[in-house]
C-alpha atoms as a PDB file:
ATOM      1  CA  MET A   1      70.176 116.731  91.702  1.00  0.00           C
ATOM      2  CA  ASP A   2      72.323 120.036  90.316  1.00  0.00           C
ATOM      3  CA  LYS A   3      70.505 122.361  87.681  1.00  0.00           C
ATOM      4  CA  ILE A   4      70.381 120.631  84.072  1.00  0.00           C
ATOM      5  CA  LYS A   5      71.330 122.838  81.097  1.00  0.00           C
ATOM      6  CA  VAL A   6      69.595 122.589  77.865  1.00  0.00           C
ATOM      7  CA  ILE A   7      70.946 124.354  74.542  1.00  0.00           C
ATOM      8  CA  HIS A   8      68.962 124.453  71.165  1.00  0.00           C
ATOM      9  CA  ASP A   9      71.484 125.407  68.387  1.00  0.00           C
ATOM     10  CA  ALA A  10      68.775 126.119  65.930  1.00  0.00           C
ATOM     11  CA  VAL A  11      71.794 126.549  63.142  1.00  0.00           C
ATOM     12  CA  ALA A  12      73.645 123.524  64.007  1.00  0.00           C
ATOM     13  CA  HIS A  13      69.990 121.531  64.599  1.00  0.00           C
ATOM     14  CA  THR A  14      71.159 119.620  67.825  1.00  0.00           C
ATOM     15  CA  LEU A  15      69.879 119.636  71.340  1.00  0.00           C
ATOM     16  CA  THR A  16      72.447 119.411  73.711  1.00  0.00           C
ATOM     17  CA  VAL A  17      71.743 118.541  77.091  1.00  0.00           C
ATOM     18  CA  TRP A  18      74.045 118.678  80.684  1.00  0.00           C
ATOM     19  CA  LEU A  19      73.227 116.495  83.350  1.00  0.00           C
ATOM     20  CA  ASP A  20      76.500 117.628  85.328  1.00  0.00           C
ATOM     21  CA  ASP A  21      79.468 120.322  84.726  1.00  0.00           C
ATOM     22  CA  PRO A  22      80.280 120.207  80.973  1.00  0.00           C
ATOM     23  CA  GLY A  23      83.826 120.878  82.220  1.00  0.00           C
ATOM     24  CA  MET A  24      83.964 117.284  83.137  1.00  0.00           C
ATOM     25  CA  GLU A  25      83.524 115.652  79.857  1.00  0.00           C
ATOM     26  CA  HIS A  26      86.547 113.310  78.983  1.00  0.00           C
ATOM     27  CA  VAL A  27      85.046 111.381  76.221  1.00  0.00           C
ATOM     28  CA  CYS A  28      81.882 111.456  73.596  1.00  0.00           C
ATOM     29  CA  GLU A  29      80.610 108.057  71.852  1.00  0.00           C
ATOM     30  CA  GLU A  30      77.789 108.535  69.305  1.00  0.00           C
ATOM     31  CA  THR A  31      75.064 105.838  69.137  1.00  0.00           C
ATOM     32  CA  ALA A  32      73.451 104.423  66.521  1.00  0.00           C
ATOM     33  CA  ASP A  33      70.577 106.699  67.036  1.00  0.00           C
ATOM     34  CA  GLU A  34      72.472 109.848  66.026  1.00  0.00           C
ATOM     35  CA  VAL A  35      72.756 110.822  69.750  1.00  0.00           C
ATOM     36  CA  VAL A  36      75.948 111.711  70.938  1.00  0.00           C
ATOM     37  CA  LEU A  37      77.021 110.679  74.847  1.00  0.00           C
ATOM     38  CA  MET A  38      79.002 112.685  76.661  1.00  0.00           C
ATOM     39  CA  LYS A  39      81.015 110.791  79.488  1.00  0.00           C
ATOM     40  CA  ASP A  40      83.319 111.878  82.559  1.00  0.00           C
ATOM     41  CA  ALA A  41      86.561 110.057  83.337  1.00  0.00           C
ATOM     42  CA  HIS A  42      84.910 107.334  85.035  1.00  0.00           C
ATOM     43  CA  GLY A  43      82.545 106.460  82.139  1.00  0.00           C
ATOM     44  CA  ARG A  44      79.410 108.006  83.580  1.00  0.00           C
ATOM     45  CA  ILE A  45      77.131 109.831  81.452  1.00  0.00           C
ATOM     46  CA  ILE A  46      77.019 113.510  82.224  1.00  0.00           C
ATOM     47  CA  GLY A  47      75.286 114.775  79.064  1.00  0.00           C
ATOM     48  CA  PHE A  48      74.047 113.884  75.498  1.00  0.00           C
ATOM     49  CA  GLU A  49      73.297 115.603  72.258  1.00  0.00           C
ATOM     50  CA  VAL A  50      70.642 115.110  69.704  1.00  0.00           C
ATOM     51  CA  LEU A  51      71.937 115.693  65.919  1.00  0.00           C
ATOM     52  CA  HIS A  52      69.836 116.714  63.586  1.00  0.00           C
ATOM     53  CA  TYR A  53      67.286 117.985  66.131  1.00  0.00           C
ATOM     54  CA  ARG A  54      64.205 120.013  64.495  1.00  0.00           C
ATOM     55  CA  PRO A  55      61.464 121.262  66.704  1.00  0.00           C
ATOM     56  CA  ALA A  56      58.050 119.612  66.152  1.00  0.00           C
ATOM     57  CA  ASP A  57      56.109 122.886  64.938  1.00  0.00           C
ATOM     58  CA  ALA A  58      57.419 126.307  63.839  1.00  0.00           C
ATOM     59  CA  VAL A  59      56.951 127.942  67.212  1.00  0.00           C
ATOM     60  CA  GLU A  60      60.529 129.617  67.840  1.00  0.00           C
ATOM     61  CA  GLY A  61      61.872 128.619  71.419  1.00  0.00           C
ATOM     62  CA  LEU A  62      61.582 125.411  73.378  1.00  0.00           C
ATOM     63  CA  ALA A  63      59.265 124.492  75.798  1.00  0.00           C
ATOM     64  CA  VAL A  64      60.514 122.100  78.854  1.00  0.00           C
ATOM     65  CA  GLU A  65      58.918 120.779  81.434  1.00  0.00           C
ATOM     66  CA  THR A  66      59.875 120.031  84.973  1.00  0.00           C
ATOM     67  CA  VAL A  67      58.696 117.572  86.976  1.00  0.00           C
ATOM     68  CA  VAL A  68      60.013 117.382  90.267  1.00  0.00           C
ATOM     69  CA  ARG A  69      59.368 114.335  92.901  1.00  0.00           C
ATOM     70  CA  THR A  70      60.152 114.036  96.434  1.00  0.00           C
ATOM     71  CA  GLY A  71      61.093 110.978  98.030  1.00  0.00           C
ATOM     72  CA  GLY A  72      57.500 110.144  99.346  1.00  0.00           C
ATOM     73  CA  GLU A  73      56.415 109.699  95.791  1.00  0.00           C
END
């Protein structure tokens, strides 16, 4: 898997997560839960954006947990 890009925009209150190259974005689709799905030309989800995102506490920054699993798990 390639790198995942996470962008927290504290001014616009959004959290954007790219699972693939943002340049491949072809269409966006907003869900009923105020999440925007970014898709490539084949309809594959390559990212998503959470609207009205505000961290649970006032700590500056964003904590991200990474879990890496190998094929044997």
